[in-house]
Amino acid sequence: GSITSIQAIYVPADDLTDPAPAASFAHLDAKTVLSRDIAAQAIFPAVDPLDSTSRIMDPLVIGDEHYQVARSVQEVLQSYKGLKDIIAILGMDELSEEDKLVVSRARKISRFLSQPFFVAEQFTNSPGKFVSLEDTIRSFKGIVAGDYDHLPEAAFYMVGAIEEAVEKAQKMAAEA
């Protein structure tokens, strides 16, 4: 058999390289990092997809498509993270068209990572949603591929499947 345990580890000053938590992380199969910066953007759950890890993130375990889509999402988010300083100093106008697409897709991915939870309905006044793994993979694959470049970022916030984001964008356009 196996032992399953979920541990909460306080990270001093949010420094993941601090020796105490870093030593603990080496013994864990997965690490879910909650981010104050993501929470400040009102994206919940405030899980940092770049700092969070799992040993089962392996194509032999989760399948090749799931693995490839997850890695491509991380690549887009990492590229955006690298562009944030340039954006802060020079603004979006100084980015190449390719970099602007990266920024747009990364922001959509970040908003799409928000989840309307059943347990949070009373706080958000938004019904909880269940989205299958297959729909999630298909949706992120489409965002990364640019299939939804024409939709506004706000359409991706607190929706379930990608079809909801499309519907939300249509409503937003009709109201504008």
N, C-alpha and C. Protein backbone atom coordinates (compact mmCIF):
# COMPACT_ATOMS: atom_id res chain seq x y z
N GLY A 1 0.80 -1.18 0.00
CA GLY A 1 0.00 0.00 0.00
C GLY A 1 0.85 1.25 0.00
N SER A 2 0.18 2.36 0.01
CA SER A 2 0.88 3.64 0.03
C SER A 2 0.28 4.53 1.10
N ILE A 3 1.05 5.48 1.52
CA ILE A 3 0.60 6.44 2.51
C ILE A 3 0.38 7.77 1.81
N THR A 4 -0.82 8.30 1.97
CA THR A 4 -1.13 9.60 1.39
C THR A 4 -1.24 10.60 2.52
N SER A 5 -0.54 11.69 2.38
CA SER A 5 -0.54 12.73 3.39
C SER A 5 -0.48 14.08 2.70
N ILE A 6 -1.26 15.00 3.18
CA ILE A 6 -1.21 16.36 2.66
C ILE A 6 -0.66 17.25 3.76
N GLN A 7 0.42 17.92 3.46
CA GLN A 7 1.08 18.77 4.45
C GLN A 7 1.03 20.23 4.00
N ALA A 8 0.84 21.11 4.95
CA ALA A 8 0.94 22.55 4.67
C ALA A 8 2.29 23.00 5.21
N ILE A 9 3.08 23.60 4.34
CA ILE A 9 4.41 24.05 4.74
C ILE A 9 4.46 25.56 4.59
N TYR A 10 4.74 26.24 5.69
CA TYR A 10 4.88 27.69 5.65
C TYR A 10 6.24 28.04 5.06
N VAL A 11 6.23 28.91 4.09
CA VAL A 11 7.47 29.32 3.43
C VAL A 11 7.78 30.75 3.87
N PRO A 12 8.81 30.95 4.70
CA PRO A 12 9.15 32.30 5.17
C PRO A 12 9.40 33.27 4.02
N ALA A 13 8.73 34.40 4.08
CA ALA A 13 8.86 35.47 3.08
C ALA A 13 8.60 34.97 1.66
N ASP A 14 7.80 33.91 1.54
CA ASP A 14 7.46 33.33 0.23
C ASP A 14 8.69 32.95 -0.59
N ASP A 15 9.79 32.64 0.09
CA ASP A 15 11.04 32.27 -0.58
C ASP A 15 11.14 30.75 -0.66
N LEU A 16 10.83 30.20 -1.84
CA LEU A 16 10.84 28.75 -2.01
C LEU A 16 12.24 28.16 -1.93
N THR A 17 13.27 29.01 -2.00
CA THR A 17 14.64 28.52 -1.90
C THR A 17 15.16 28.50 -0.47
N ASP A 18 14.35 28.98 0.48
CA ASP A 18 14.73 28.92 1.89
C ASP A 18 15.09 27.47 2.24
N PRO A 19 16.20 27.25 2.95
CA PRO A 19 16.66 25.88 3.21
C PRO A 19 15.64 24.96 3.90
N ALA A 20 14.87 25.48 4.84
CA ALA A 20 13.94 24.61 5.57
C ALA A 20 12.85 24.04 4.66
N PRO A 21 12.07 24.89 3.97
CA PRO A 21 11.05 24.30 3.09
C PRO A 21 11.66 23.55 1.91
N ALA A 22 12.78 24.04 1.38
CA ALA A 22 13.41 23.37 0.24
C ALA A 22 13.79 21.93 0.59
N ALA A 23 14.26 21.72 1.80
CA ALA A 23 14.61 20.36 2.24
C ALA A 23 13.36 19.49 2.33
N SER A 24 12.26 20.07 2.76
CA SER A 24 11.00 19.32 2.85
C SER A 24 10.46 18.96 1.47
N PHE A 25 10.56 19.90 0.53
CA PHE A 25 10.02 19.68 -0.81
C PHE A 25 10.66 18.49 -1.50
N ALA A 26 11.91 18.22 -1.20
CA ALA A 26 12.63 17.11 -1.84
C ALA A 26 11.98 15.76 -1.54
N HIS A 27 11.22 15.68 -0.46
CA HIS A 27 10.62 14.41 -0.05
C HIS A 27 9.17 14.27 -0.49
N LEU A 28 8.64 15.26 -1.19
CA LEU A 28 7.23 15.25 -1.57
C LEU A 28 7.06 14.83 -3.03
N ASP A 29 5.94 14.17 -3.32
CA ASP A 29 5.63 13.79 -4.69
C ASP A 29 5.06 14.96 -5.48
N ALA A 30 4.41 15.87 -4.79
CA ALA A 30 3.81 17.02 -5.46
C ALA A 30 3.90 18.24 -4.55
N LYS A 31 3.91 19.39 -5.18
CA LYS A 31 3.99 20.65 -4.44
C LYS A 31 3.01 21.61 -5.10
N THR A 32 2.01 22.07 -4.34
CA THR A 32 1.05 23.06 -4.82
C THR A 32 1.36 24.37 -4.12
N VAL A 33 1.80 25.35 -4.88
CA VAL A 33 2.22 26.63 -4.32
C VAL A 33 1.11 27.65 -4.50
N LEU A 34 0.66 28.21 -3.38
CA LEU A 34 -0.33 29.28 -3.43
C LEU A 34 0.41 30.61 -3.50
N SER A 35 -0.06 31.49 -4.36
CA SER A 35 0.64 32.75 -4.62
C SER A 35 -0.16 33.96 -4.17
N ARG A 36 0.48 34.83 -3.42
CA ARG A 36 -0.17 36.08 -3.01
C ARG A 36 -0.43 36.97 -4.23
N ASP A 37 0.50 36.96 -5.19
CA ASP A 37 0.34 37.78 -6.39
C ASP A 37 -0.88 37.34 -7.21
N ILE A 38 -1.07 36.05 -7.33
CA ILE A 38 -2.22 35.54 -8.07
C ILE A 38 -3.51 35.84 -7.31
N ALA A 39 -3.49 35.70 -6.00
CA ALA A 39 -4.66 36.04 -5.18
C ALA A 39 -4.99 37.52 -5.30
N ALA A 40 -3.97 38.36 -5.40
CA ALA A 40 -4.20 39.81 -5.54
C ALA A 40 -4.90 40.14 -6.86
N GLN A 41 -4.79 39.25 -7.84
CA GLN A 41 -5.48 39.44 -9.12
C GLN A 41 -6.90 38.87 -9.08
N ALA A 42 -7.31 38.39 -7.89
CA ALA A 42 -8.63 37.77 -7.67
C ALA A 42 -8.81 36.51 -8.50
N ILE A 43 -7.72 35.78 -8.71
CA ILE A 43 -7.79 34.51 -9.41
C ILE A 43 -7.70 33.42 -8.35
N PHE A 44 -8.79 32.66 -8.24
CA PHE A 44 -8.87 31.61 -7.23
C PHE A 44 -9.23 30.29 -7.87
N PRO A 45 -8.61 29.19 -7.49
CA PRO A 45 -7.59 29.10 -6.46
C PRO A 45 -6.30 29.77 -6.93
N ALA A 46 -5.59 30.36 -6.01
CA ALA A 46 -4.39 31.13 -6.33
C ALA A 46 -3.16 30.23 -6.43
N VAL A 47 -3.27 29.20 -7.23
CA VAL A 47 -2.18 28.23 -7.40
C VAL A 47 -1.23 28.75 -8.47
N ASP A 48 0.05 28.75 -8.15
CA ASP A 48 1.07 29.17 -9.11
C ASP A 48 1.46 27.97 -9.97
N PRO A 49 1.08 27.98 -11.26
CA PRO A 49 1.37 26.82 -12.11
C PRO A 49 2.84 26.67 -12.48
N LEU A 50 3.64 27.70 -12.25
CA LEU A 50 5.07 27.60 -12.55
C LEU A 50 5.87 27.06 -11.37
N ASP A 51 5.47 27.39 -10.16
CA ASP A 51 6.18 26.90 -8.97
C ASP A 51 5.65 25.56 -8.47
N SER A 52 4.43 25.21 -8.86
CA SER A 52 3.85 23.94 -8.44
C SER A 52 4.42 22.81 -9.30
N THR A 53 4.64 21.66 -8.67
CA THR A 53 5.23 20.53 -9.39
C THR A 53 4.56 19.22 -8.97
N SER A 54 4.76 18.20 -9.79
CA SER A 54 4.28 16.87 -9.46
C SER A 54 5.17 15.84 -10.14
N ARG A 55 5.50 14.79 -9.42
CA ARG A 55 6.33 13.73 -10.00
C ARG A 55 5.57 12.92 -11.04
N ILE A 56 4.24 12.96 -11.00
CA ILE A 56 3.49 12.21 -12.01
C ILE A 56 3.30 13.00 -13.30
N MET A 57 3.87 14.20 -13.37
CA MET A 57 3.83 14.95 -14.63
C MET A 57 4.82 14.28 -15.59
N ASP A 58 4.37 13.17 -16.09
CA ASP A 58 5.19 12.31 -16.94
C ASP A 58 4.27 11.75 -18.02
N PRO A 59 4.67 11.80 -19.28
CA PRO A 59 3.79 11.30 -20.34
C PRO A 59 3.42 9.82 -20.17
N LEU A 60 4.27 9.05 -19.51
CA LEU A 60 3.96 7.64 -19.29
C LEU A 60 2.85 7.46 -18.25
N VAL A 61 2.65 8.46 -17.41
CA VAL A 61 1.64 8.37 -16.36
C VAL A 61 0.35 9.07 -16.79
N ILE A 62 0.46 10.30 -17.28
CA ILE A 62 -0.74 11.09 -17.59
C ILE A 62 -1.12 11.07 -19.06
N GLY A 63 -0.28 10.53 -19.90
CA GLY A 63 -0.56 10.49 -21.33
C GLY A 63 0.17 11.62 -22.04
N ASP A 64 0.49 11.38 -23.30
CA ASP A 64 1.30 12.33 -24.06
C ASP A 64 0.59 13.66 -24.30
N GLU A 65 -0.70 13.61 -24.68
CA GLU A 65 -1.40 14.86 -24.97
C GLU A 65 -1.49 15.74 -23.73
N HIS A 66 -1.89 15.16 -22.61
CA HIS A 66 -2.00 15.91 -21.36
C HIS A 66 -0.64 16.53 -21.01
N TYR A 67 0.41 15.75 -21.11
CA TYR A 67 1.75 16.22 -20.80
C TYR A 67 2.16 17.38 -21.72
N GLN A 68 1.97 17.20 -23.03
CA GLN A 68 2.37 18.23 -23.99
C GLN A 68 1.59 19.53 -23.79
N VAL A 69 0.29 19.42 -23.54
CA VAL A 69 -0.52 20.62 -23.32
C VAL A 69 -0.09 21.32 -22.03
N ALA A 70 0.12 20.56 -20.95
CA ALA A 70 0.55 21.16 -19.68
C ALA A 70 1.88 21.88 -19.85
N ARG A 71 2.82 21.26 -20.54
CA ARG A 71 4.13 21.89 -20.76
C ARG A 71 4.00 23.13 -21.64
N SER A 72 3.16 23.08 -22.65
CA SER A 72 3.02 24.26 -23.51
C SER A 72 2.37 25.42 -22.75
N VAL A 73 1.43 25.11 -21.85
CA VAL A 73 0.83 26.15 -21.00
C VAL A 73 1.92 26.76 -20.11
N GLN A 74 2.75 25.92 -19.52
CA GLN A 74 3.84 26.43 -18.67
C GLN A 74 4.82 27.27 -19.48
N GLU A 75 5.11 26.87 -20.71
CA GLU A 75 6.03 27.64 -21.55
C GLU A 75 5.48 29.03 -21.85
N VAL A 76 4.18 29.11 -22.16
CA VAL A 76 3.56 30.42 -22.42
C VAL A 76 3.63 31.28 -21.17
N LEU A 77 3.28 30.71 -20.02
CA LEU A 77 3.30 31.47 -18.77
C LEU A 77 4.72 31.90 -18.41
N GLN A 78 5.71 31.05 -18.65
CA GLN A 78 7.10 31.39 -18.36
C GLN A 78 7.58 32.50 -19.28
N SER A 79 7.21 32.45 -20.55
CA SER A 79 7.58 33.51 -21.50
C SER A 79 6.98 34.84 -21.06
N TYR A 80 5.73 34.81 -20.64
CA TYR A 80 5.06 36.03 -20.16
C TYR A 80 5.76 36.58 -18.92
N LYS A 81 6.14 35.68 -18.02
CA LYS A 81 6.84 36.10 -16.80
C LYS A 81 8.13 36.84 -17.18
N GLY A 82 8.82 36.35 -18.20
CA GLY A 82 10.05 36.99 -18.67
C GLY A 82 9.81 38.34 -19.33
N LEU A 83 8.61 38.55 -19.85
CA LEU A 83 8.28 39.82 -20.52
C LEU A 83 7.74 40.88 -19.57
N LYS A 84 7.38 40.50 -18.36
CA LYS A 84 6.74 41.45 -17.43
C LYS A 84 7.61 42.67 -17.13
N ASP A 85 8.91 42.48 -16.97
CA ASP A 85 9.79 43.62 -16.70
C ASP A 85 9.84 44.57 -17.89
N ILE A 86 9.90 44.03 -19.08
CA ILE A 86 9.91 44.87 -20.29
C ILE A 86 8.61 45.65 -20.39
N ILE A 87 7.50 44.98 -20.11
CA ILE A 87 6.19 45.65 -20.16
C ILE A 87 6.13 46.76 -19.12
N ALA A 88 6.66 46.51 -17.92
CA ALA A 88 6.63 47.51 -16.85
C ALA A 88 7.46 48.74 -17.21
N ILE A 89 8.56 48.53 -17.92
CA ILE A 89 9.46 49.64 -18.25
C ILE A 89 9.04 50.34 -19.54
N LEU A 90 8.79 49.56 -20.59
CA LEU A 90 8.54 50.15 -21.91
C LEU A 90 7.08 50.13 -22.35
N GLY A 91 6.28 49.28 -21.73
CA GLY A 91 4.88 49.18 -22.11
C GLY A 91 4.66 48.13 -23.19
N MET A 92 3.41 47.80 -23.41
CA MET A 92 3.03 46.77 -24.39
C MET A 92 3.37 47.17 -25.83
N ASP A 93 3.33 48.47 -26.11
CA ASP A 93 3.55 48.93 -27.48
C ASP A 93 4.92 48.58 -28.03
N GLU A 94 5.90 48.41 -27.15
CA GLU A 94 7.26 48.12 -27.59
C GLU A 94 7.52 46.64 -27.85
N LEU A 95 6.53 45.80 -27.57
CA LEU A 95 6.70 44.36 -27.80
C LEU A 95 6.48 44.02 -29.26
N SER A 96 7.12 42.95 -29.70
CA SER A 96 6.88 42.44 -31.06
C SER A 96 5.46 41.86 -31.11
N GLU A 97 4.94 41.67 -32.30
CA GLU A 97 3.60 41.09 -32.44
C GLU A 97 3.55 39.69 -31.82
N GLU A 98 4.63 38.94 -31.97
CA GLU A 98 4.70 37.59 -31.39
C GLU A 98 4.64 37.65 -29.87
N ASP A 99 5.38 38.60 -29.28
CA ASP A 99 5.36 38.75 -27.82
C ASP A 99 4.00 39.22 -27.32
N LYS A 100 3.34 40.07 -28.10
CA LYS A 100 1.99 40.52 -27.72
C LYS A 100 1.03 39.34 -27.68
N LEU A 101 1.18 38.41 -28.63
CA LEU A 101 0.35 37.20 -28.63
C LEU A 101 0.64 36.34 -27.40
N VAL A 102 1.90 36.22 -27.04
CA VAL A 102 2.29 35.45 -25.85
C VAL A 102 1.62 36.06 -24.62
N VAL A 103 1.69 37.38 -24.50
CA VAL A 103 1.09 38.07 -23.35
C VAL A 103 -0.42 37.84 -23.33
N SER A 104 -1.07 38.00 -24.46
CA SER A 104 -2.51 37.82 -24.55
C SER A 104 -2.91 36.40 -24.15
N ARG A 105 -2.22 35.42 -24.69
CA ARG A 105 -2.55 34.03 -24.39
C ARG A 105 -2.26 33.70 -22.93
N ALA A 106 -1.17 34.21 -22.39
CA ALA A 106 -0.83 33.96 -20.99
C ALA A 106 -1.88 34.55 -20.06
N ARG A 107 -2.35 35.74 -20.37
CA ARG A 107 -3.38 36.36 -19.52
C ARG A 107 -4.69 35.59 -19.61
N LYS A 108 -5.00 35.07 -20.78
CA LYS A 108 -6.21 34.25 -20.92
C LYS A 108 -6.05 32.95 -20.15
N ILE A 109 -4.88 32.34 -20.24
CA ILE A 109 -4.61 31.12 -19.48
C ILE A 109 -4.75 31.38 -17.99
N SER A 110 -4.18 32.47 -17.50
CA SER A 110 -4.26 32.80 -16.07
C SER A 110 -5.70 32.94 -15.63
N ARG A 111 -6.50 33.63 -16.41
CA ARG A 111 -7.91 33.81 -16.06
C ARG A 111 -8.68 32.50 -16.17
N PHE A 112 -8.32 31.68 -17.15
CA PHE A 112 -9.00 30.40 -17.33
C PHE A 112 -8.66 29.43 -16.20
N LEU A 113 -7.54 29.65 -15.53
CA LEU A 113 -7.17 28.83 -14.37
C LEU A 113 -8.05 29.12 -13.16
N SER A 114 -8.79 30.23 -13.18
CA SER A 114 -9.73 30.50 -12.10
C SER A 114 -10.84 29.45 -12.19
N GLN A 115 -11.39 29.09 -11.05
CA GLN A 115 -12.40 28.04 -11.05
C GLN A 115 -13.59 28.43 -10.19
N PRO A 116 -14.79 28.35 -10.76
CA PRO A 116 -15.99 28.57 -9.93
C PRO A 116 -16.27 27.31 -9.10
N PHE A 117 -15.91 27.37 -7.83
CA PHE A 117 -16.05 26.23 -6.93
C PHE A 117 -17.46 26.11 -6.38
N PHE A 118 -17.92 24.87 -6.20
CA PHE A 118 -19.21 24.64 -5.57
C PHE A 118 -19.22 25.19 -4.15
N VAL A 119 -18.12 25.01 -3.41
CA VAL A 119 -18.06 25.44 -2.01
C VAL A 119 -17.99 26.96 -1.86
N ALA A 120 -17.72 27.66 -2.95
CA ALA A 120 -17.60 29.12 -2.88
C ALA A 120 -18.83 29.84 -3.42
N GLU A 121 -19.86 29.10 -3.80
CA GLU A 121 -21.06 29.72 -4.38
C GLU A 121 -21.63 30.83 -3.52
N GLN A 122 -21.69 30.63 -2.21
CA GLN A 122 -22.28 31.63 -1.33
C GLN A 122 -21.46 32.91 -1.26
N PHE A 123 -20.17 32.83 -1.59
CA PHE A 123 -19.31 34.01 -1.56
C PHE A 123 -19.23 34.71 -2.91
N THR A 124 -19.31 33.92 -3.98
CA THR A 124 -19.12 34.48 -5.32
C THR A 124 -20.42 34.74 -6.07
N ASN A 125 -21.52 34.19 -5.55
CA ASN A 125 -22.81 34.25 -6.25
C ASN A 125 -22.71 33.67 -7.65
N SER A 126 -21.80 32.75 -7.81
CA SER A 126 -21.59 32.09 -9.09
C SER A 126 -21.65 30.59 -8.86
N PRO A 127 -22.46 29.87 -9.63
CA PRO A 127 -22.58 28.44 -9.40
C PRO A 127 -21.28 27.70 -9.69
N GLY A 128 -21.01 26.67 -8.90
CA GLY A 128 -19.82 25.85 -9.12
C GLY A 128 -19.93 25.08 -10.43
N LYS A 129 -18.79 24.75 -10.99
CA LYS A 129 -18.76 24.03 -12.27
C LYS A 129 -17.86 22.82 -12.15
N PHE A 130 -18.24 21.76 -12.83
CA PHE A 130 -17.38 20.59 -12.97
C PHE A 130 -16.95 20.53 -14.43
N VAL A 131 -15.66 20.42 -14.66
CA VAL A 131 -15.13 20.33 -16.01
C VAL A 131 -14.28 19.06 -16.08
N SER A 132 -14.58 18.23 -17.06
CA SER A 132 -13.83 16.98 -17.19
C SER A 132 -12.38 17.25 -17.58
N LEU A 133 -11.53 16.30 -17.30
CA LEU A 133 -10.12 16.41 -17.66
C LEU A 133 -9.97 16.58 -19.17
N GLU A 134 -10.74 15.83 -19.93
CA GLU A 134 -10.66 15.90 -21.39
C GLU A 134 -11.01 17.31 -21.88
N ASP A 135 -12.08 17.90 -21.32
CA ASP A 135 -12.46 19.26 -21.71
C ASP A 135 -11.39 20.27 -21.31
N THR A 136 -10.79 20.07 -20.15
CA THR A 136 -9.74 20.97 -19.68
C THR A 136 -8.54 20.93 -20.61
N ILE A 137 -8.10 19.74 -20.97
CA ILE A 137 -6.96 19.60 -21.88
C ILE A 137 -7.28 20.22 -23.23
N ARG A 138 -8.46 19.92 -23.77
CA ARG A 138 -8.88 20.46 -25.07
C ARG A 138 -8.94 21.99 -25.03
N SER A 139 -9.44 22.53 -23.94
CA SER A 139 -9.58 23.99 -23.81
C SER A 139 -8.22 24.68 -23.78
N PHE A 140 -7.31 24.18 -22.95
CA PHE A 140 -5.98 24.79 -22.86
C PHE A 140 -5.21 24.62 -24.17
N LYS A 141 -5.39 23.49 -24.82
CA LYS A 141 -4.74 23.25 -26.11
C LYS A 141 -5.19 24.32 -27.11
N GLY A 142 -6.48 24.63 -27.11
CA GLY A 142 -7.02 25.65 -28.01
C GLY A 142 -6.51 27.04 -27.69
N ILE A 143 -6.40 27.37 -26.41
CA ILE A 143 -5.90 28.69 -26.02
C ILE A 143 -4.45 28.85 -26.48
N VAL A 144 -3.63 27.84 -26.21
CA VAL A 144 -2.21 27.89 -26.59
C VAL A 144 -2.05 27.97 -28.11
N ALA A 145 -2.91 27.26 -28.84
CA ALA A 145 -2.83 27.24 -30.30
C ALA A 145 -3.34 28.53 -30.94
N GLY A 146 -4.01 29.37 -30.15
CA GLY A 146 -4.52 30.63 -30.69
C GLY A 146 -5.94 30.56 -31.21
N ASP A 147 -6.63 29.46 -30.95
CA ASP A 147 -8.00 29.31 -31.42
C ASP A 147 -8.95 30.34 -30.82
N TYR A 148 -8.56 30.93 -29.69
CA TYR A 148 -9.44 31.87 -28.99
C TYR A 148 -8.81 33.25 -28.86
N ASP A 149 -7.86 33.55 -29.74
CA ASP A 149 -7.19 34.86 -29.71
C ASP A 149 -8.17 36.01 -29.89
N HIS A 150 -9.28 35.76 -30.57
CA HIS A 150 -10.25 36.82 -30.84
C HIS A 150 -11.14 37.15 -29.64
N LEU A 151 -11.08 36.35 -28.59
CA LEU A 151 -11.92 36.60 -27.41
C LEU A 151 -11.20 37.49 -26.41
N PRO A 152 -11.95 38.34 -25.69
CA PRO A 152 -11.32 39.20 -24.68
C PRO A 152 -10.90 38.39 -23.44
N GLU A 153 -9.87 38.87 -22.76
CA GLU A 153 -9.37 38.20 -21.56
C GLU A 153 -10.46 37.95 -20.53
N ALA A 154 -11.31 38.94 -20.34
CA ALA A 154 -12.34 38.86 -19.30
C ALA A 154 -13.29 37.68 -19.51
N ALA A 155 -13.42 37.21 -20.74
CA ALA A 155 -14.33 36.10 -21.03
C ALA A 155 -13.84 34.79 -20.42
N PHE A 156 -12.57 34.71 -20.07
CA PHE A 156 -11.99 33.47 -19.55
C PHE A 156 -12.06 33.37 -18.03
N TYR A 157 -12.51 34.43 -17.38
CA TYR A 157 -12.51 34.48 -15.92
C TYR A 157 -13.71 33.76 -15.33
N MET A 158 -13.46 32.85 -14.40
CA MET A 158 -14.49 32.12 -13.66
C MET A 158 -15.52 31.44 -14.56
N VAL A 159 -15.03 30.72 -15.54
CA VAL A 159 -15.91 29.91 -16.39
C VAL A 159 -15.50 28.45 -16.25
N GLY A 160 -16.36 27.57 -16.71
CA GLY A 160 -16.04 26.15 -16.70
C GLY A 160 -15.32 25.78 -17.98
N ALA A 161 -16.03 25.14 -18.89
CA ALA A 161 -15.44 24.73 -20.17
C ALA A 161 -15.24 25.94 -21.07
N ILE A 162 -14.44 25.76 -22.10
CA ILE A 162 -14.10 26.85 -23.02
C ILE A 162 -15.34 27.38 -23.73
N GLU A 163 -16.34 26.54 -23.93
CA GLU A 163 -17.57 27.00 -24.58
C GLU A 163 -18.24 28.11 -23.77
N GLU A 164 -18.09 28.05 -22.45
CA GLU A 164 -18.63 29.12 -21.60
C GLU A 164 -17.90 30.43 -21.83
N ALA A 165 -16.60 30.36 -22.07
CA ALA A 165 -15.83 31.58 -22.36
C ALA A 165 -16.30 32.18 -23.68
N VAL A 166 -16.58 31.33 -24.65
CA VAL A 166 -17.08 31.81 -25.95
C VAL A 166 -18.44 32.48 -25.76
N GLU A 167 -19.33 31.84 -25.00
CA GLU A 167 -20.66 32.42 -24.72
C GLU A 167 -20.53 33.75 -23.98
N LYS A 168 -19.66 33.78 -22.99
CA LYS A 168 -19.45 35.00 -22.20
C LYS A 168 -18.95 36.13 -23.09
N ALA A 169 -18.04 35.82 -24.01
CA ALA A 169 -17.51 36.83 -24.94
C ALA A 169 -18.62 37.36 -25.84
N GLN A 170 -19.51 36.48 -26.28
CA GLN A 170 -20.63 36.91 -27.12
C GLN A 170 -21.57 37.83 -26.35
N LYS A 171 -21.84 37.51 -25.09
CA LYS A 171 -22.68 38.37 -24.25
C LYS A 171 -22.02 39.73 -24.04
N MET A 172 -20.71 39.71 -23.80
CA MET A 172 -19.99 40.97 -23.59
C MET A 172 -20.05 41.84 -24.84
N ALA A 173 -19.93 41.22 -26.00
CA ALA A 173 -19.98 41.97 -27.26
C ALA A 173 -21.37 42.53 -27.50
N ALA A 174 -22.41 41.77 -27.14
CA ALA A 174 -23.78 42.22 -27.33
C ALA A 174 -24.12 43.39 -26.41
N GLU A 175 -23.52 43.40 -25.21
CA GLU A 175 -23.78 44.46 -24.24
C GLU A 175 -22.98 45.72 -24.51
N ALA A 176 -21.94 45.60 -25.32
CA ALA A 176 -21.05 46.75 -25.58
C ALA A 176 -21.65 47.71 -26.58
